[in-house]
Amino acid sequence: MKKRNNKHEKRVKKLIVGSGLCAIILAVSTYAWFIGMMTVNVSSFDVSIAAIDGLSLSLNGEDWSDEVTISKDTYNDPETVYDGNTNSWGNAGLIPMSTVGKIDPATSRLILYEKGSLTTSAGGYRLMASKVQNTEAEQDGYVAFDLFIKNLSGNEYYTELNELNEEAIYLTTDSAVTVGGEGVEGTGIENSVRVAFAQIGRVIATTEDQATITGITCETEGAVTGICEDRDAQIWEPNDTKHVENARNWYAASCLRRTGTDVTSDASYGAACTALNDDQYYHTYAVGGVIGYEDNVDVYDGADYNGYTDSISATGEDGKLYAYPYFTDSMKMQEGVNRPTFFNLAPNSITKVRVYVYIEGQDVDNYDFASLGKQISVAFGFTKERFFGEDVSYDDTGTAELPEDVVRDPDADADQP
């Protein structure tokens, strides 16, 4: 019986732990997108990542393990990461940004937008936004680092980019963003955090040359299969249905329904906006392009808020505001066959993934006094397992195994045709 229990324990651990786990701590004193575009101070940000089921991880493209750790002290340390990396740890702090997951193929970096100007309107705030100038290097205000994932399942390597040739990876159900141990509950700062995973490119898993691996870009050339020219970043939105009372009150006091084109005219606004309720999902209308004064954009534009849709784009490529389809906590918690894929990895490959952690300025929970939260804690993980014990009524007593008296004799099986 003890032997059976040990076997079961190992099986359950394999099922639950998954193939990746990150723990992130951010100390913050944020001022939201709205008034000052001040910074979120980063004091401690430690990332621990583990892998099983044929996945190995590396921060330098040379040393592979089932667990790696990166922090503010090591993100640029030659003992931890590769020489010539373009990692960034936010420097002075996190600044609310906005993105729809597009990647610049020329630089292999996420395209981000920041507030250019924010002026109070009669029913919200007129927004102007400019592109973050990260062509030469990542800028202050967000965290970015490279992670290399080696997937050894399967022997065939597919040079063409096709998700039908790839394996599904899932976000673990225990992935979460919460208020840190030294933070203040109830401010909602944790509800506007986003984590973006940008697959840059990949090579065959037998590649040993470090320069080839770390030098992967969006471009398909030589041994490299470029990914990000054809595939946007996957962005996780935690706490997608959570809206603290302070955020709801701020929204109710500042947002009015919009009917007119001129964002500066009092006549363009009227009755109260759609109510914001806790435990309900609302779209984030993220910035997809440069926004000028002539675009007449209000931060509350959109069917979910002030009802004005003329500044909402149908796709992320059109610019202005776009209802971005995040991978949400609600999706993460779907059960069994309904649990959606987070992203895909090719078999027998090494994939370069650029990870971004930022605060989404267009999130309705990003209000002025969220700064009182002080600290957030982020934890996420990856797994190839779609099913967990509760999905299949898993029997943790061990009685689901065949009794010893009915276990087949392997020699007898060998005589079978």
Protein backbone atom coordinates (compact mmCIF):
# COMPACT_ATOMS: atom_id res chain seq x y z
CA MET A 1 0.00 0.00 0.00
CA LYS A 2 2.85 2.36 0.81
CA LYS A 3 4.37 1.67 -2.57
CA ARG A 4 1.12 2.60 -4.27
CA ASN A 5 0.79 5.81 -2.27
CA ASN A 6 4.35 6.85 -3.19
CA LYS A 7 3.62 6.24 -6.86
CA HIS A 8 0.45 8.27 -6.60
CA GLU A 9 2.20 11.11 -4.80
CA LYS A 10 4.77 11.41 -7.57
CA ARG A 11 2.02 11.35 -10.19
CA VAL A 12 0.05 14.10 -8.44
CA LYS A 13 3.14 16.29 -8.06
CA LYS A 14 3.87 15.90 -11.74
CA LEU A 15 0.27 16.80 -12.54
CA ILE A 16 0.08 19.91 -10.38
CA VAL A 17 3.56 21.40 -10.48
CA GLY A 18 3.55 21.77 -14.26
CA SER A 19 6.51 22.78 -16.33
CA GLY A 20 7.24 26.31 -15.18
CA LEU A 21 6.85 28.54 -12.15
CA CYS A 22 7.77 32.17 -11.62
CA ALA A 23 7.59 34.14 -8.38
CA ILE A 24 7.79 37.92 -8.70
CA ILE A 25 7.70 40.59 -6.02
CA LEU A 26 7.25 44.27 -6.91
CA ALA A 27 7.37 47.04 -4.33
CA VAL A 28 5.29 49.92 -5.68
CA SER A 29 4.35 53.50 -4.94
CA THR A 30 2.46 54.08 -8.17
CA TYR A 31 0.56 57.01 -9.55
CA ALA A 32 -1.72 55.75 -12.24
CA TRP A 33 -1.97 56.54 -15.94
CA PHE A 34 -4.31 59.40 -15.16
CA ILE A 35 -2.61 62.27 -13.37
CA GLY A 36 1.14 62.21 -13.32
CA MET A 37 2.66 59.19 -15.06
CA MET A 38 4.86 58.80 -12.02
CA THR A 39 6.79 55.60 -11.46
CA VAL A 40 6.38 52.37 -9.59
CA ASN A 41 9.54 51.77 -7.58
CA VAL A 42 10.97 48.29 -7.96
CA SER A 43 12.94 47.09 -4.93
CA SER A 44 12.72 43.30 -5.23
CA PHE A 45 11.79 41.25 -8.27
CA ASP A 46 12.85 37.62 -8.07
CA VAL A 47 11.90 35.11 -10.74
CA SER A 48 12.22 31.38 -10.16
CA ILE A 49 11.27 29.13 -13.08
CA ALA A 50 11.04 25.33 -13.02
CA ALA A 51 10.35 22.82 -15.79
CA ILE A 52 9.47 19.14 -16.26
CA ASP A 53 8.09 16.89 -19.01
CA GLY A 54 10.90 17.37 -21.51
CA LEU A 55 11.28 21.12 -21.00
CA SER A 56 14.58 22.74 -20.02
CA LEU A 57 15.20 26.40 -19.30
CA SER A 58 18.06 28.81 -19.72
CA LEU A 59 18.76 32.50 -19.25
CA ASN A 60 21.95 32.48 -21.29
CA GLY A 61 21.30 29.92 -24.05
CA GLU A 62 24.13 27.72 -22.81
CA ASP A 63 23.38 26.39 -19.32
CA TRP A 64 20.20 24.30 -19.23
CA SER A 65 18.29 23.22 -16.18
CA ASP A 66 14.81 22.39 -14.94
CA GLU A 67 14.99 25.52 -12.78
CA VAL A 68 16.48 28.99 -13.24
CA THR A 69 16.38 32.13 -11.12
CA ILE A 70 16.69 35.77 -12.14
CA SER A 71 16.38 38.92 -10.02
CA LYS A 72 17.12 42.63 -9.95
CA ASP A 73 20.65 41.75 -8.85
CA THR A 74 21.26 39.17 -11.60
CA TYR A 75 19.24 40.29 -14.65
CA ASN A 76 22.42 41.70 -16.20
CA ASP A 77 24.97 39.55 -14.37
CA PRO A 78 27.29 37.70 -16.82
CA GLU A 79 27.20 34.73 -14.44
CA THR A 80 23.44 34.44 -15.01
CA VAL A 81 22.57 35.88 -18.42
CA TYR A 82 24.36 36.10 -21.76
CA ASP A 83 26.74 38.83 -22.81
CA GLY A 84 25.07 41.44 -24.96
CA ASN A 85 21.57 40.85 -23.56
CA THR A 86 18.99 43.64 -23.70
CA ASN A 87 17.24 42.84 -20.40
CA SER A 88 15.76 45.70 -18.39
CA TRP A 89 14.52 45.83 -14.81
CA GLY A 90 12.47 49.02 -14.91
CA ASN A 91 15.33 51.16 -13.61
CA ALA A 92 13.62 54.01 -11.72
CA GLY A 93 10.35 52.10 -11.62
CA LEU A 94 7.30 50.89 -13.50
CA ILE A 95 5.34 53.45 -15.51
CA PRO A 96 1.83 52.63 -16.75
CA MET A 97 2.09 51.59 -20.40
CA SER A 98 -0.30 50.17 -22.98
CA THR A 99 0.13 47.61 -25.77
CA VAL A 100 -1.88 45.32 -28.02
CA GLY A 101 0.89 42.72 -28.24
CA LYS A 102 2.43 43.76 -31.55
CA ILE A 103 6.16 43.09 -31.92
CA ASP A 104 8.51 45.20 -34.03
CA PRO A 105 10.18 42.68 -36.38
CA ALA A 106 13.10 45.04 -36.97
CA THR A 107 14.04 45.12 -33.27
CA SER A 108 12.34 41.96 -31.94
CA ARG A 109 10.80 44.03 -29.14
CA LEU A 110 7.26 44.61 -27.93
CA ILE A 111 5.63 47.81 -29.21
CA LEU A 112 4.51 49.88 -26.23
CA TYR A 113 2.76 53.21 -25.85
CA GLU A 114 2.97 55.73 -23.03
CA LYS A 115 0.94 58.76 -22.08
CA GLY A 116 1.86 61.86 -24.06
CA SER A 117 -0.74 64.04 -22.36
CA LEU A 118 -3.78 63.60 -20.17
CA THR A 119 -6.24 66.46 -19.73
CA THR A 120 -9.43 66.30 -17.68
CA SER A 121 -12.57 66.23 -19.82
CA ALA A 122 -16.15 66.85 -18.75
CA GLY A 123 -16.67 63.10 -18.41
CA GLY A 124 -13.22 61.57 -18.13
CA TYR A 125 -9.75 62.35 -19.45
CA ARG A 126 -8.57 63.23 -22.95
CA LEU A 127 -5.76 60.86 -23.84
CA MET A 128 -2.76 61.47 -26.06
CA ALA A 129 -0.24 58.64 -26.43
CA SER A 130 3.20 58.28 -27.99
CA LYS A 131 5.27 55.23 -28.89
CA VAL A 132 7.92 54.17 -26.40
CA GLN A 133 11.28 54.69 -28.09
CA ASN A 134 12.79 51.25 -27.45
CA THR A 135 14.37 50.77 -30.86
CA GLU A 136 17.95 50.95 -29.58
CA ALA A 137 17.30 49.73 -26.04
CA GLU A 138 14.41 49.01 -23.69
CA GLN A 139 13.32 52.11 -21.80
CA ASP A 140 12.50 52.80 -18.16
CA GLY A 141 9.08 51.86 -16.85
CA TYR A 142 8.71 48.11 -17.41
CA VAL A 143 10.58 44.83 -16.95
CA ALA A 144 11.86 42.79 -19.90
CA PHE A 145 14.10 39.73 -20.05
CA ASP A 146 14.89 36.79 -22.33
CA LEU A 147 13.98 33.21 -21.46
CA PHE A 148 15.02 30.22 -23.58
CA ILE A 149 12.83 27.11 -23.53
CA LYS A 150 14.11 23.78 -24.86
CA ASN A 151 11.36 21.31 -25.74
CA LEU A 152 12.72 17.79 -26.22
CA SER A 153 9.48 15.95 -26.92
CA GLY A 154 9.52 14.39 -30.36
CA ASN A 155 12.44 13.92 -32.75
CA GLU A 156 11.20 15.87 -35.75
CA TYR A 157 11.98 19.58 -36.06
CA TYR A 158 9.63 21.59 -38.26
CA THR A 159 11.35 24.50 -39.93
CA GLU A 160 8.08 26.05 -41.10
CA LEU A 161 6.03 28.10 -38.63
CA ASN A 162 2.71 26.33 -38.15
CA GLU A 163 0.86 25.91 -34.85
CA LEU A 164 -0.53 22.60 -36.13
CA ASN A 165 3.01 21.21 -35.73
CA GLU A 166 3.33 22.51 -32.17
CA GLU A 167 2.45 21.39 -28.65
CA ALA A 168 -0.04 23.14 -26.40
CA ILE A 169 1.28 24.82 -23.22
CA TYR A 170 -1.14 25.81 -20.43
CA LEU A 171 -1.02 28.45 -17.71
CA THR A 172 -1.15 26.75 -14.32
CA THR A 173 -4.28 27.31 -12.25
CA ASP A 174 -2.26 28.60 -9.29
CA SER A 175 -0.85 31.50 -11.32
CA ALA A 176 -1.83 34.70 -9.53
CA VAL A 177 -1.14 38.39 -8.93
CA THR A 178 -1.82 39.54 -5.38
CA VAL A 179 -0.85 42.26 -2.93
CA GLY A 180 2.61 41.54 -1.52
CA GLY A 181 3.38 40.83 2.11
CA GLU A 182 4.21 44.47 2.84
CA GLY A 183 1.43 45.89 0.69
CA VAL A 184 -1.98 47.33 1.52
CA GLU A 185 -5.09 45.33 0.67
CA GLY A 186 -8.03 46.91 -1.08
CA THR A 187 -6.32 49.41 -3.39
CA GLY A 188 -6.55 47.18 -6.48
CA ILE A 189 -3.03 47.85 -7.80
CA GLU A 190 -2.70 44.13 -8.55
CA ASN A 191 -5.67 44.27 -10.95
CA SER A 192 -3.94 46.34 -13.65
CA VAL A 193 -0.72 44.28 -13.96
CA ARG A 194 -0.05 42.49 -17.25
CA VAL A 195 2.55 39.89 -18.25
CA ALA A 196 3.37 39.54 -21.97
CA PHE A 197 5.14 36.56 -23.52
CA ALA A 198 6.62 37.33 -26.93
CA GLN A 199 7.96 34.33 -28.85
CA ILE A 200 10.83 35.72 -30.93
CA GLY A 201 12.07 32.68 -32.86
CA ARG A 202 13.39 29.14 -32.56
CA VAL A 203 16.08 26.69 -33.66
CA ILE A 204 16.42 22.92 -33.52
CA ALA A 205 16.99 21.60 -29.98
CA THR A 206 20.34 20.03 -30.86
CA THR A 207 21.84 23.49 -31.44
CA GLU A 208 24.78 24.03 -29.07
CA ASP A 209 26.26 27.27 -30.36
CA GLN A 210 25.37 29.91 -27.77
CA ALA A 211 25.64 32.82 -30.19
CA THR A 212 23.14 31.20 -32.54
CA ILE A 213 20.65 30.66 -29.72
CA THR A 214 20.95 34.06 -28.06
CA GLY A 215 21.07 35.78 -31.43
CA ILE A 216 17.61 34.55 -32.44
CA THR A 217 15.49 37.37 -33.89
CA CYS A 218 12.12 37.66 -35.62
CA GLU A 219 13.76 37.03 -38.98
CA THR A 220 13.72 33.57 -40.56
CA GLU A 221 17.28 33.11 -41.74
CA GLY A 222 19.70 30.19 -41.78
CA ALA A 223 18.90 27.85 -38.88
CA VAL A 224 16.42 30.27 -37.28
CA THR A 225 12.66 30.07 -37.73
CA GLY A 226 11.33 33.55 -36.99
CA ILE A 227 8.08 33.71 -35.04
CA CYS A 228 7.18 37.26 -34.05
CA GLU A 229 6.64 38.61 -37.56
CA ASP A 230 3.56 36.38 -37.77
CA ARG A 231 2.55 35.88 -34.13
CA ASP A 232 1.64 38.51 -31.54
CA ALA A 233 2.67 38.27 -27.90
CA GLN A 234 0.36 36.39 -25.57
CA ILE A 235 -0.65 38.71 -22.72
CA TRP A 236 -2.00 37.45 -19.41
CA GLU A 237 -4.54 39.58 -17.55
CA PRO A 238 -4.81 38.43 -13.92
CA ASN A 239 -7.77 39.32 -11.69
CA ASP A 240 -9.84 40.12 -14.77
CA THR A 241 -13.16 40.24 -12.89
CA LYS A 242 -11.89 41.94 -9.72
CA HIS A 243 -12.61 45.64 -9.16
CA VAL A 244 -12.08 47.07 -5.68
CA GLU A 245 -14.54 49.55 -4.20
CA ASN A 246 -12.10 52.48 -4.47
CA ALA A 247 -11.65 51.88 -8.19
CA ARG A 248 -15.40 51.59 -8.73
CA ASN A 249 -16.05 54.81 -6.80
CA TRP A 250 -13.37 56.69 -8.75
CA TYR A 251 -14.85 55.51 -12.04
CA ALA A 252 -18.41 56.41 -11.01
CA ALA A 253 -17.36 59.92 -10.02
CA SER A 254 -15.28 60.72 -13.12
CA CYS A 255 -16.97 58.95 -16.05
CA LEU A 256 -19.98 60.31 -17.99
CA ARG A 257 -21.54 58.90 -21.14
CA ARG A 258 -20.15 60.44 -24.32
CA THR A 259 -22.26 61.36 -27.34
CA GLY A 260 -20.22 64.07 -29.09
CA THR A 261 -17.05 64.02 -31.17
CA ASP A 262 -15.23 66.91 -29.50
CA VAL A 263 -13.62 65.48 -26.39
CA THR A 264 -13.01 68.99 -25.01
CA SER A 265 -16.67 70.06 -25.20
CA ASP A 266 -18.94 69.78 -22.17
CA ALA A 267 -21.82 69.17 -24.57
CA SER A 268 -20.22 65.87 -25.61
CA TYR A 269 -21.02 64.29 -22.24
CA GLY A 270 -24.26 63.55 -20.44
CA ALA A 271 -25.62 60.86 -18.11
CA ALA A 272 -23.67 58.46 -15.91
CA CYS A 273 -21.53 55.73 -17.49
CA THR A 274 -22.32 52.04 -17.35
CA ALA A 275 -21.94 50.83 -13.77
CA LEU A 276 -18.73 49.02 -12.83
CA ASN A 277 -19.46 45.90 -10.77
CA ASP A 278 -17.13 43.55 -8.95
CA ASP A 279 -16.90 39.94 -10.20
CA GLN A 280 -17.70 41.01 -13.76
CA TYR A 281 -15.40 41.24 -16.76
CA TYR A 282 -14.95 44.52 -18.67
CA HIS A 283 -12.78 45.00 -21.75
CA THR A 284 -9.54 46.92 -21.60
CA TYR A 285 -9.39 49.24 -24.61
CA ALA A 286 -5.62 49.23 -24.98
CA VAL A 287 -3.62 51.70 -27.08
CA GLY A 288 -2.75 50.32 -30.50
CA GLY A 289 -1.18 53.38 -32.11
CA VAL A 290 -0.07 56.97 -31.64
CA ILE A 291 -2.94 59.16 -30.39
CA GLY A 292 -2.95 62.91 -31.03
CA TYR A 293 -5.25 65.70 -29.90
CA GLU A 294 -7.07 65.59 -33.23
CA ASP A 295 -8.11 61.98 -32.54
CA ASN A 296 -10.41 63.08 -29.72
CA VAL A 297 -9.87 60.02 -27.52
CA ASP A 298 -11.16 59.73 -23.96
CA VAL A 299 -9.74 57.05 -21.63
CA TYR A 300 -13.28 55.83 -20.95
CA ASP A 301 -14.21 55.39 -24.62
CA GLY A 302 -15.76 52.02 -25.43
CA ALA A 303 -19.06 50.19 -25.24
CA ASP A 304 -18.27 48.90 -21.75
CA TYR A 305 -17.82 52.38 -20.25
CA ASN A 306 -19.00 55.69 -21.74
CA GLY A 307 -20.63 54.04 -24.78
CA TYR A 308 -18.59 56.02 -27.35
CA THR A 309 -17.09 53.72 -30.00
CA ASP A 310 -15.83 56.03 -32.77
CA SER A 311 -12.28 55.83 -31.34
CA ILE A 312 -12.36 52.03 -30.98
CA SER A 313 -10.55 50.05 -33.68
CA ALA A 314 -11.78 46.77 -35.14
CA THR A 315 -8.28 45.25 -35.02
CA GLY A 316 -5.00 45.93 -33.24
CA GLU A 317 -3.39 47.04 -36.49
CA ASP A 318 -5.74 49.99 -36.93
CA GLY A 319 -4.32 52.02 -34.04
CA LYS A 320 -6.12 54.13 -31.43
CA LEU A 321 -7.99 52.01 -28.87
CA TYR A 322 -8.60 48.26 -29.26
CA ALA A 323 -10.49 45.79 -27.07
CA TYR A 324 -7.53 43.47 -26.59
CA PRO A 325 -8.37 39.74 -26.19
CA TYR A 326 -6.21 38.92 -23.15
CA PHE A 327 -5.68 35.46 -21.73
CA THR A 328 -7.50 35.96 -18.44
CA ASP A 329 -7.68 34.29 -15.06
CA SER A 330 -11.22 33.27 -15.96
CA MET A 331 -9.81 31.29 -18.91
CA LYS A 332 -7.10 29.80 -16.72
CA MET A 333 -9.71 28.41 -14.34
CA GLN A 334 -11.81 26.67 -16.99
CA GLU A 335 -11.93 22.93 -16.42
CA GLY A 336 -10.98 19.90 -18.45
CA VAL A 337 -11.46 20.09 -22.20
CA ASN A 338 -12.61 23.70 -21.85
CA ARG A 339 -9.20 24.84 -20.56
CA PRO A 340 -7.65 26.89 -23.41
CA THR A 341 -4.07 26.76 -24.65
CA PHE A 342 -1.83 29.58 -23.41
CA PHE A 343 0.70 29.28 -26.23
CA ASN A 344 2.35 26.63 -28.40
CA LEU A 345 5.91 25.32 -28.63
CA ALA A 346 7.40 23.30 -31.46
CA PRO A 347 8.78 19.84 -30.61
CA ASN A 348 12.56 19.30 -30.64
CA SER A 349 13.15 23.05 -30.46
CA ILE A 350 14.74 25.90 -28.52
CA THR A 351 12.46 28.95 -28.43
CA LYS A 352 13.53 32.44 -27.40
CA VAL A 353 10.74 34.10 -25.39
CA ARG A 354 10.92 37.73 -24.32
CA VAL A 355 8.92 38.34 -21.14
CA TYR A 356 7.48 41.78 -20.30
CA VAL A 357 5.90 42.81 -16.98
CA TYR A 358 4.09 46.16 -16.96
CA ILE A 359 1.09 48.08 -15.64
CA GLU A 360 -1.67 48.57 -18.23
CA GLY A 361 -2.62 52.24 -18.16
CA GLN A 362 -5.95 51.69 -19.92
CA ASP A 363 -7.18 49.17 -17.34
CA VAL A 364 -10.23 50.63 -15.60
CA ASP A 365 -8.72 49.55 -12.26
CA ASN A 366 -5.72 51.82 -12.80
CA TYR A 367 -6.88 54.83 -10.79
CA ASP A 368 -4.96 57.50 -8.88
CA PHE A 369 -4.97 56.05 -5.37
CA ALA A 370 -4.02 52.52 -6.35
CA SER A 371 -0.52 53.74 -5.38
CA LEU A 372 -1.40 53.04 -1.75
CA GLY A 373 -1.07 49.32 -2.48
CA LYS A 374 2.72 49.64 -2.20
CA GLN A 375 3.58 46.06 -3.20
CA ILE A 376 2.38 43.35 -5.56
CA SER A 377 3.33 39.69 -5.85
CA VAL A 378 3.18 37.87 -9.19
CA ALA A 379 3.40 34.10 -9.63
CA PHE A 380 2.88 32.16 -12.85
CA GLY A 381 3.70 28.78 -14.26
CA PHE A 382 3.45 26.68 -17.41
CA THR A 383 2.43 23.06 -17.85
CA LYS A 384 1.77 20.62 -20.65
CA GLU A 385 -0.95 18.97 -18.55
CA ARG A 386 -4.42 20.07 -19.59
CA PHE A 387 -6.16 17.99 -16.93
CA PHE A 388 -5.82 18.17 -13.18
CA GLY A 389 -7.00 15.69 -10.58
CA GLU A 390 -10.36 17.39 -10.04
CA ASP A 391 -11.03 17.39 -13.80
CA VAL A 392 -11.13 13.59 -13.97
CA SER A 393 -12.43 12.74 -10.47
CA TYR A 394 -8.95 11.50 -9.67
CA ASP A 395 -8.95 8.75 -7.03
CA ASP A 396 -6.32 9.68 -4.43
CA THR A 397 -6.76 6.45 -2.47
CA GLY A 398 -4.82 4.34 -4.96
CA THR A 399 -7.77 2.00 -5.44
CA ALA A 400 -8.11 3.04 -9.06
CA GLU A 401 -5.03 0.92 -9.82
CA LEU A 402 -5.40 -2.73 -10.73
CA PRO A 403 -5.37 -5.02 -7.67
CA GLU A 404 -2.24 -7.09 -7.37
CA ASP A 405 -4.15 -10.33 -7.91
CA VAL A 406 -5.25 -9.22 -11.40
CA VAL A 407 -1.96 -7.77 -12.61
CA ARG A 408 -0.90 -9.59 -15.76
CA ASP A 409 2.18 -11.70 -15.90
CA PRO A 410 4.50 -9.98 -18.41
CA ASP A 411 5.72 -13.39 -19.61
CA ALA A 412 2.15 -14.37 -20.31
CA ASP A 413 1.65 -11.17 -22.31
CA ALA A 414 4.68 -12.02 -24.39
CA ASP A 415 2.97 -15.21 -25.58
CA GLN A 416 -0.03 -13.30 -26.86
CA PRO A 417 -0.25 -12.72 -30.63
